Amino acid sequence: MNGKHTAETVEKYAARKSLARTMREMSKEPHTVSHVTGSEITTTALEDDGVDHIESLLERTEVWRIEPCLNDITAAVEIADTVS
């Protein structure tokens, strides 16, 4: 950190880091997606192949982390192409 961060930004960073660690450690079910908004982790079933569902999450400005769990490599490649 460069010394210009307020206590609020440091706290926000620490909270996000903690949530990211929690998401990595969560058990994942195939064909679901977990996402974080603010300080809440939500896991839902993916709709269809998941591409449209992931795209809609990416468009939401309050979502800052998305972790899909797929059981189909074709869907994973299509989502990766969409994201990039």
PDB file of N, CA and C in Angstrom:
ATOM      1  N   MET A   1       0.845  -1.168   0.000  1.00  0.00           N
ATOM      2  CA  MET A   1       0.000   0.000   0.000  1.00  0.00           C
ATOM      3  C   MET A   1       0.895   1.237   0.000  1.00  0.00           C
ATOM      4  N   ASN A   2       0.396   2.286  -0.597  1.00  0.00           N
ATOM      5  CA  ASN A   2       1.242   3.449  -0.810  1.00  0.00           C
ATOM      6  C   ASN A   2       1.049   4.562   0.215  1.00  0.00           C
ATOM      7  N   GLY A   3       0.364   4.330   1.299  1.00  0.00           N
ATOM      8  CA  GLY A   3       0.195   5.339   2.324  1.00  0.00           C
ATOM      9  C   GLY A   3      -0.983   6.261   2.110  1.00  0.00           C
ATOM     10  N   LYS A   4      -1.627   6.163   0.953  1.00  0.00           N
ATOM     11  CA  LYS A   4      -2.767   7.019   0.652  1.00  0.00           C
ATOM     12  C   LYS A   4      -4.097   6.328   0.924  1.00  0.00           C
ATOM     13  N   HIS A   5      -4.041   5.129   1.407  1.00  0.00           N
ATOM     14  CA  HIS A   5      -5.256   4.373   1.670  1.00  0.00           C
ATOM     15  C   HIS A   5      -5.831   4.751   3.032  1.00  0.00           C
ATOM     16  N   THR A   6      -7.125   4.902   3.067  1.00  0.00           N
ATOM     17  CA  THR A   6      -7.780   5.201   4.331  1.00  0.00           C
ATOM     18  C   THR A   6      -8.037   3.903   5.078  1.00  0.00           C
ATOM     19  N   ALA A   7      -8.408   4.016   6.324  1.00  0.00           N
ATOM     20  CA  ALA A   7      -8.745   2.831   7.115  1.00  0.00           C
ATOM     21  C   ALA A   7      -9.890   2.076   6.461  1.00  0.00           C
ATOM     22  N   GLU A   8     -10.817   2.804   5.843  1.00  0.00           N
ATOM     23  CA  GLU A   8     -11.970   2.177   5.189  1.00  0.00           C
ATOM     24  C   GLU A   8     -11.534   1.315   4.006  1.00  0.00           C
ATOM     25  N   THR A   9     -10.611   1.806   3.176  1.00  0.00           N
ATOM     26  CA  THR A   9     -10.172   1.018   2.024  1.00  0.00           C
ATOM     27  C   THR A   9      -9.350  -0.185   2.468  1.00  0.00           C
ATOM     28  N   VAL A  10      -8.568  -0.035   3.508  1.00  0.00           N
ATOM     29  CA  VAL A  10      -7.791  -1.163   4.036  1.00  0.00           C
ATOM     30  C   VAL A  10      -8.737  -2.230   4.582  1.00  0.00           C
ATOM     31  N   GLU A  11      -9.755  -1.803   5.291  1.00  0.00           N
ATOM     32  CA  GLU A  11     -10.740  -2.739   5.834  1.00  0.00           C
ATOM     33  C   GLU A  11     -11.503  -3.441   4.714  1.00  0.00           C
ATOM     34  N   LYS A  12     -11.870  -2.704   3.682  1.00  0.00           N
ATOM     35  CA  LYS A  12     -12.593  -3.286   2.546  1.00  0.00           C
ATOM     36  C   LYS A  12     -11.715  -4.330   1.852  1.00  0.00           C
ATOM     37  N   TYR A  13     -10.445  -4.011   1.656  1.00  0.00           N
ATOM     38  CA  TYR A  13      -9.509  -4.940   1.035  1.00  0.00           C
ATOM     39  C   TYR A  13      -9.391  -6.213   1.868  1.00  0.00           C
ATOM     40  N   ALA A  14      -9.262  -6.079   3.169  1.00  0.00           N
ATOM     41  CA  ALA A  14      -9.135  -7.240   4.054  1.00  0.00           C
ATOM     42  C   ALA A  14     -10.392  -8.092   4.015  1.00  0.00           C
ATOM     43  N   ALA A  15     -11.556  -7.457   3.975  1.00  0.00           N
ATOM     44  CA  ALA A  15     -12.823  -8.193   3.920  1.00  0.00           C
ATOM     45  C   ALA A  15     -12.926  -8.960   2.608  1.00  0.00           C
ATOM     46  N   ARG A  16     -12.541  -8.331   1.508  1.00  0.00           N
ATOM     47  CA  ARG A  16     -12.590  -9.011   0.203  1.00  0.00           C
ATOM     48  C   ARG A  16     -11.615 -10.185   0.162  1.00  0.00           C
ATOM     49  N   LYS A  17     -10.445  -9.996   0.719  1.00  0.00           N
ATOM     50  CA  LYS A  17      -9.450 -11.074   0.751  1.00  0.00           C
ATOM     51  C   LYS A  17      -9.972 -12.256   1.558  1.00  0.00           C
ATOM     52  N   SER A  18     -10.638 -11.977   2.662  1.00  0.00           N
ATOM     53  CA  SER A  18     -11.211 -13.025   3.494  1.00  0.00           C
ATOM     54  C   SER A  18     -12.324 -13.762   2.748  1.00  0.00           C
ATOM     55  N   LEU A  19     -13.187 -13.021   2.056  1.00  0.00           N
ATOM     56  CA  LEU A  19     -14.262 -13.650   1.285  1.00  0.00           C
ATOM     57  C   LEU A  19     -13.709 -14.492   0.139  1.00  0.00           C
ATOM     58  N   ALA A  20     -12.674 -14.005  -0.516  1.00  0.00           N
ATOM     59  CA  ALA A  20     -12.055 -14.766  -1.602  1.00  0.00           C
ATOM     60  C   ALA A  20     -11.486 -16.076  -1.073  1.00  0.00           C
ATOM     61  N   ARG A  21     -10.863 -16.035   0.089  1.00  0.00           N
ATOM     62  CA  ARG A  21     -10.327 -17.253   0.704  1.00  0.00           C
ATOM     63  C   ARG A  21     -11.464 -18.210   1.052  1.00  0.00           C
ATOM     64  N   THR A  22     -12.549 -17.678   1.590  1.00  0.00           N
ATOM     65  CA  THR A  22     -13.719 -18.497   1.928  1.00  0.00           C
ATOM     66  C   THR A  22     -14.260 -19.183   0.683  1.00  0.00           C
ATOM     67  N   MET A  23     -14.354 -18.444  -0.430  1.00  0.00           N
ATOM     68  CA  MET A  23     -14.860 -19.037  -1.676  1.00  0.00           C
ATOM     69  C   MET A  23     -13.957 -20.159  -2.165  1.00  0.00           C
ATOM     70  N   ARG A  24     -12.640 -19.961  -2.083  1.00  0.00           N
ATOM     71  CA  ARG A  24     -11.707 -21.009  -2.523  1.00  0.00           C
ATOM     72  C   ARG A  24     -11.879 -22.276  -1.702  1.00  0.00           C
ATOM     73  N   GLU A  25     -12.192 -22.121  -0.424  1.00  0.00           N
ATOM     74  CA  GLU A  25     -12.294 -23.271   0.476  1.00  0.00           C
ATOM     75  C   GLU A  25     -13.671 -23.930   0.474  1.00  0.00           C
ATOM     76  N   MET A  26     -14.667 -23.267  -0.120  1.00  0.00           N
ATOM     77  CA  MET A  26     -16.023 -23.820  -0.148  1.00  0.00           C
ATOM     78  C   MET A  26     -16.063 -25.072  -1.017  1.00  0.00           C
ATOM     79  N   SER A  27     -16.909 -26.028  -0.643  1.00  0.00           N
ATOM     80  CA  SER A  27     -17.115 -27.165  -1.533  1.00  0.00           C
ATOM     81  C   SER A  27     -17.970 -26.681  -2.692  1.00  0.00           C
ATOM     82  N   LYS A  28     -17.691 -27.184  -3.863  1.00  0.00           N
ATOM     83  CA  LYS A  28     -18.371 -26.740  -5.072  1.00  0.00           C
ATOM     84  C   LYS A  28     -19.191 -27.892  -5.653  1.00  0.00           C
ATOM     85  N   GLU A  29     -20.373 -27.582  -6.096  1.00  0.00           N
ATOM     86  CA  GLU A  29     -21.232 -28.548  -6.776  1.00  0.00           C
ATOM     87  C   GLU A  29     -21.159 -28.266  -8.273  1.00  0.00           C
ATOM     88  N   PRO A  30     -21.052 -29.310  -9.101  1.00  0.00           N
ATOM     89  CA  PRO A  30     -21.023 -29.080 -10.547  1.00  0.00           C
ATOM     90  C   PRO A  30     -22.270 -28.340 -11.020  1.00  0.00           C
ATOM     91  N   HIS A  31     -22.087 -27.506 -12.013  1.00  0.00           N
ATOM     92  CA  HIS A  31     -23.122 -26.722 -12.672  1.00  0.00           C
ATOM     93  C   HIS A  31     -23.757 -25.686 -11.741  1.00  0.00           C
ATOM     94  N   THR A  32     -22.893 -25.083 -10.898  1.00  0.00           N
ATOM     95  CA  THR A  32     -23.318 -23.975 -10.040  1.00  0.00           C
ATOM     96  C   THR A  32     -22.358 -22.812 -10.234  1.00  0.00           C
ATOM     97  N   VAL A  33     -22.769 -21.662  -9.759  1.00  0.00           N
ATOM     98  CA  VAL A  33     -21.896 -20.493  -9.781  1.00  0.00           C
ATOM     99  C   VAL A  33     -22.033 -19.783  -8.443  1.00  0.00           C
ATOM    100  N   SER A  34     -20.890 -19.428  -7.872  1.00  0.00           N
ATOM    101  CA  SER A  34     -20.871 -18.631  -6.651  1.00  0.00           C
ATOM    102  C   SER A  34     -20.401 -17.239  -7.028  1.00  0.00           C
ATOM    103  N   HIS A  35     -21.016 -16.225  -6.429  1.00  0.00           N
ATOM    104  CA  HIS A  35     -20.579 -14.858  -6.678  1.00  0.00           C
ATOM    105  C   HIS A  35     -20.707 -14.045  -5.400  1.00  0.00           C
ATOM    106  N   VAL A  36     -19.908 -12.987  -5.352  1.00  0.00           N
ATOM    107  CA  VAL A  36     -19.881 -12.137  -4.165  1.00  0.00           C
ATOM    108  C   VAL A  36     -20.400 -10.757  -4.529  1.00  0.00           C
ATOM    109  N   THR A  37     -21.336 -10.290  -3.720  1.00  0.00           N
ATOM    110  CA  THR A  37     -21.805  -8.904  -3.796  1.00  0.00           C
ATOM    111  C   THR A  37     -21.643  -8.326  -2.403  1.00  0.00           C
ATOM    112  N   GLY A  38     -20.876  -7.266  -2.314  1.00  0.00           N
ATOM    113  CA  GLY A  38     -20.631  -6.686  -0.997  1.00  0.00           C
ATOM    114  C   GLY A  38     -19.914  -7.682  -0.116  1.00  0.00           C
ATOM    115  N   SER A  39     -20.588  -8.146   0.927  1.00  0.00           N
ATOM    116  CA  SER A  39     -19.977  -9.121   1.832  1.00  0.00           C
ATOM    117  C   SER A  39     -20.786 -10.411   1.878  1.00  0.00           C
ATOM    118  N   GLU A  40     -21.537 -10.696   0.819  1.00  0.00           N
ATOM    119  CA  GLU A  40     -22.403 -11.876   0.783  1.00  0.00           C
ATOM    120  C   GLU A  40     -22.016 -12.796  -0.366  1.00  0.00           C
ATOM    121  N   ILE A  41     -21.840 -14.089  -0.052  1.00  0.00           N
ATOM    122  CA  ILE A  41     -21.562 -15.101  -1.066  1.00  0.00           C
ATOM    123  C   ILE A  41     -22.874 -15.805  -1.388  1.00  0.00           C
ATOM    124  N   THR A  42     -23.198 -15.856  -2.680  1.00  0.00           N
ATOM    125  CA  THR A  42     -24.417 -16.522  -3.133  1.00  0.00           C
ATOM    126  C   THR A  42     -24.037 -17.613  -4.118  1.00  0.00           C
ATOM    127  N   THR A  43     -24.622 -18.790  -3.972  1.00  0.00           N
ATOM    128  CA  THR A  43     -24.405 -19.889  -4.908  1.00  0.00           C
ATOM    129  C   THR A  43     -25.744 -20.285  -5.501  1.00  0.00           C
ATOM    130  N   THR A  44     -25.788 -20.347  -6.833  1.00  0.00           N
ATOM    131  CA  THR A  44     -27.018 -20.722  -7.532  1.00  0.00           C
ATOM    132  C   THR A  44     -26.693 -21.736  -8.617  1.00  0.00           C
ATOM    133  N   ALA A  45     -27.721 -22.440  -9.057  1.00  0.00           N
ATOM    134  CA  ALA A  45     -27.563 -23.359 -10.180  1.00  0.00           C
ATOM    135  C   ALA A  45     -27.393 -22.540 -11.451  1.00  0.00           C
ATOM    136  N   LEU A  46     -26.521 -23.011 -12.329  1.00  0.00           N
ATOM    137  CA  LEU A  46     -26.347 -22.339 -13.608  1.00  0.00           C
ATOM    138  C   LEU A  46     -27.535 -22.627 -14.504  1.00  0.00           C
ATOM    139  N   GLU A  47     -27.923 -21.638 -15.264  1.00  0.00           N
ATOM    140  CA  GLU A  47     -29.014 -21.796 -16.215  1.00  0.00           C
ATOM    141  C   GLU A  47     -28.448 -22.296 -17.539  1.00  0.00           C
ATOM    142  N   ASP A  48     -29.084 -23.263 -18.157  1.00  0.00           N
ATOM    143  CA  ASP A  48     -28.666 -23.823 -19.446  1.00  0.00           C
ATOM    144  C   ASP A  48     -27.185 -24.183 -19.429  1.00  0.00           C
ATOM    145  N   ASP A  49     -26.408 -23.647 -20.391  1.00  0.00           N
ATOM    146  CA  ASP A  49     -24.979 -23.967 -20.427  1.00  0.00           C
ATOM    147  C   ASP A  49     -24.154 -23.054 -19.541  1.00  0.00           C
ATOM    148  N   GLY A  50     -24.780 -22.039 -18.963  1.00  0.00           N
ATOM    149  CA  GLY A  50     -24.100 -21.169 -18.022  1.00  0.00           C
ATOM    150  C   GLY A  50     -23.564 -19.883 -18.602  1.00  0.00           C
ATOM    151  N   VAL A  51     -23.418 -19.806 -19.924  1.00  0.00           N
ATOM    152  CA  VAL A  51     -22.800 -18.631 -20.542  1.00  0.00           C
ATOM    153  C   VAL A  51     -23.628 -17.378 -20.269  1.00  0.00           C
ATOM    154  N   ASP A  52     -24.920 -17.424 -20.562  1.00  0.00           N
ATOM    155  CA  ASP A  52     -25.768 -16.245 -20.343  1.00  0.00           C
ATOM    156  C   ASP A  52     -25.820 -15.861 -18.869  1.00  0.00           C
ATOM    157  N   HIS A  53     -25.852 -16.862 -18.007  1.00  0.00           N
ATOM    158  CA  HIS A  53     -25.894 -16.621 -16.553  1.00  0.00           C
ATOM    159  C   HIS A  53     -24.626 -15.883 -16.107  1.00  0.00           C
ATOM    160  N   ILE A  54     -23.474 -16.358 -16.557  1.00  0.00           N
ATOM    161  CA  ILE A  54     -22.202 -15.721 -16.205  1.00  0.00           C
ATOM    162  C   ILE A  54     -22.148 -14.307 -16.775  1.00  0.00           C
ATOM    163  N   GLU A  55     -22.578 -14.138 -18.027  1.00  0.00           N
ATOM    164  CA  GLU A  55     -22.582 -12.807 -18.638  1.00  0.00           C
ATOM    165  C   GLU A  55     -23.434 -11.833 -17.836  1.00  0.00           C
ATOM    166  N   SER A  56     -24.594 -12.294 -17.376  1.00  0.00           N
ATOM    167  CA  SER A  56     -25.466 -11.397 -16.604  1.00  0.00           C
ATOM    168  C   SER A  56     -24.822 -11.015 -15.268  1.00  0.00           C
ATOM    169  N   LEU A  57     -24.097 -11.937 -14.654  1.00  0.00           N
ATOM    170  CA  LEU A  57     -23.377 -11.613 -13.420  1.00  0.00           C
ATOM    171  C   LEU A  57     -22.245 -10.621 -13.689  1.00  0.00           C
ATOM    172  N   LEU A  58     -21.548 -10.787 -14.804  1.00  0.00           N
ATOM    173  CA  LEU A  58     -20.456  -9.888 -15.155  1.00  0.00           C
ATOM    174  C   LEU A  58     -20.948  -8.459 -15.385  1.00  0.00           C
ATOM    175  N   GLU A  59     -22.172  -8.315 -15.830  1.00  0.00           N
ATOM    176  CA  GLU A  59     -22.732  -6.988 -16.099  1.00  0.00           C
ATOM    177  C   GLU A  59     -23.144  -6.260 -14.823  1.00  0.00           C
ATOM    178  N   ARG A  60     -23.313  -6.976 -13.736  1.00  0.00           N
ATOM    179  CA  ARG A  60     -23.732  -6.354 -12.473  1.00  0.00           C
ATOM    180  C   ARG A  60     -22.513  -5.734 -11.784  1.00  0.00           C
ATOM    181  N   THR A  61     -22.561  -4.435 -11.573  1.00  0.00           N
ATOM    182  CA  THR A  61     -21.412  -3.727 -11.011  1.00  0.00           C
ATOM    183  C   THR A  61     -21.147  -4.094  -9.557  1.00  0.00           C
ATOM    184  N   GLU A  62     -22.161  -4.566  -8.831  1.00  0.00           N
ATOM    185  CA  GLU A  62     -21.955  -4.898  -7.423  1.00  0.00           C
ATOM    186  C   GLU A  62     -21.306  -6.268  -7.229  1.00  0.00           C
ATOM    187  N   VAL A  63     -21.236  -7.077  -8.282  1.00  0.00           N
ATOM    188  CA  VAL A  63     -20.585  -8.390  -8.205  1.00  0.00           C
ATOM    189  C   VAL A  63     -19.104  -8.194  -8.477  1.00  0.00           C
ATOM    190  N   TRP A  64     -18.264  -8.608  -7.517  1.00  0.00           N
ATOM    191  CA  TRP A  64     -16.826  -8.403  -7.704  1.00  0.00           C
ATOM    192  C   TRP A  64     -16.030  -9.703  -7.786  1.00  0.00           C
ATOM    193  N   ARG A  65     -16.687 -10.833  -7.617  1.00  0.00           N
ATOM    194  CA  ARG A  65     -16.000 -12.115  -7.788  1.00  0.00           C
ATOM    195  C   ARG A  65     -17.015 -13.149  -8.230  1.00  0.00           C
ATOM    196  N   ILE A  66     -16.631 -13.962  -9.220  1.00  0.00           N
ATOM    197  CA  ILE A  66     -17.501 -15.019  -9.747  1.00  0.00           C
ATOM    198  C   ILE A  66     -16.673 -16.288  -9.872  1.00  0.00           C
ATOM    199  N   GLU A  67     -17.215 -17.402  -9.362  1.00  0.00           N
ATOM    200  CA  GLU A  67     -16.545 -18.697  -9.488  1.00  0.00           C
ATOM    201  C   GLU A  67     -17.549 -19.743  -9.955  1.00  0.00           C
ATOM    202  N   PRO A  68     -17.555 -20.051 -11.257  1.00  0.00           N
ATOM    203  CA  PRO A  68     -18.429 -21.116 -11.735  1.00  0.00           C
ATOM    204  C   PRO A  68     -17.787 -22.483 -11.506  1.00  0.00           C
ATOM    205  N   CYS A  69     -18.613 -23.474 -11.314  1.00  0.00           N
ATOM    206  CA  CYS A  69     -18.153 -24.860 -11.205  1.00  0.00           C
ATOM    207  C   CYS A  69     -18.877 -25.643 -12.296  1.00  0.00           C
ATOM    208  N   LEU A  70     -18.127 -26.053 -13.295  1.00  0.00           N
ATOM    209  CA  LEU A  70     -18.721 -26.688 -14.472  1.00  0.00           C
ATOM    210  C   LEU A  70     -18.308 -28.145 -14.563  1.00  0.00           C
ATOM    211  N   ASN A  71     -19.170 -28.938 -15.173  1.00  0.00           N
ATOM    212  CA  ASN A  71     -18.811 -30.338 -15.400  1.00  0.00           C
ATOM    213  C   ASN A  71     -18.700 -30.614 -16.896  1.00  0.00           C
ATOM    214  N   ASP A  72     -18.633 -29.551 -17.686  1.00  0.00           N
ATOM    215  CA  ASP A  72     -18.571 -29.667 -19.136  1.00  0.00           C
ATOM    216  C   ASP A  72     -17.474 -28.740 -19.658  1.00  0.00           C
ATOM    217  N   ILE A  73     -16.431 -29.307 -20.226  1.00  0.00           N
ATOM    218  CA  ILE A  73     -15.303 -28.501 -20.699  1.00  0.00           C
ATOM    219  C   ILE A  73     -15.724 -27.562 -21.815  1.00  0.00           C
ATOM    220  N   THR A  74     -16.697 -27.950 -22.629  1.00  0.00           N
ATOM    221  CA  THR A  74     -17.164 -27.083 -23.718  1.00  0.00           C
ATOM    222  C   THR A  74     -17.753 -25.798 -23.152  1.00  0.00           C
ATOM    223  N   ALA A  75     -18.565 -25.913 -22.108  1.00  0.00           N
ATOM    224  CA  ALA A  75     -19.143 -24.720 -21.480  1.00  0.00           C
ATOM    225  C   ALA A  75     -18.039 -23.869 -20.851  1.00  0.00           C
ATOM    226  N   ALA A  76     -17.064 -24.509 -20.243  1.00  0.00           N
ATOM    227  CA  ALA A  76     -15.965 -23.769 -19.612  1.00  0.00           C
ATOM    228  C   ALA A  76     -15.194 -22.966 -20.647  1.00  0.00           C
ATOM    229  N   VAL A  77     -14.931 -23.554 -21.816  1.00  0.00           N
ATOM    230  CA  VAL A  77     -14.207 -22.860 -22.876  1.00  0.00           C
ATOM    231  C   VAL A  77     -15.048 -21.698 -23.404  1.00  0.00           C
ATOM    232  N   GLU A  78     -16.352 -21.920 -23.581  1.00  0.00           N
ATOM    233  CA  GLU A  78     -17.222 -20.865 -24.089  1.00  0.00           C
ATOM    234  C   GLU A  78     -17.303 -19.691 -23.089  1.00  0.00           C
ATOM    235  N   ILE A  79     -17.385 -20.008 -21.809  1.00  0.00           N
ATOM    236  CA  ILE A  79     -17.404 -18.954 -20.791  1.00  0.00           C
ATOM    237  C   ILE A  79     -16.071 -18.202 -20.791  1.00  0.00           C
ATOM    238  N   ALA A  80     -14.978 -18.921 -20.893  1.00  0.00           N
ATOM    239  CA  ALA A  80     -13.654 -18.262 -20.929  1.00  0.00           C
ATOM    240  C   ALA A  80     -13.547 -17.341 -22.128  1.00  0.00           C
ATOM    241  N   ASP A  81     -14.045 -17.771 -23.287  1.00  0.00           N
ATOM    242  CA  ASP A  81     -14.026 -16.915 -24.474  1.00  0.00           C
ATOM    243  C   ASP A  81     -14.889 -15.675 -24.275  1.00  0.00           C
ATOM    244  N   THR A  82     -16.032 -15.848 -23.629  1.00  0.00           N
ATOM    245  CA  THR A  82     -16.936 -14.727 -23.379  1.00  0.00           C
ATOM    246  C   THR A  82     -16.301 -13.721 -22.449  1.00  0.00           C
ATOM    247  N   VAL A  83     -15.664 -14.200 -21.393  1.00  0.00           N
ATOM    248  CA  VAL A  83     -15.050 -13.313 -20.406  1.00  0.00           C
ATOM    249  C   VAL A  83     -13.889 -12.547 -21.019  1.00  0.00           C
ATOM    250  N   SER A  84     -13.084 -13.222 -21.812  1.00  0.00           N
ATOM    251  CA  SER A  84     -11.923 -12.538 -22.378  1.00  0.00           C
ATOM    252  C   SER A  84     -12.358 -11.645 -23.502  1.00  0.00           C
TER     253      SER A  84
END
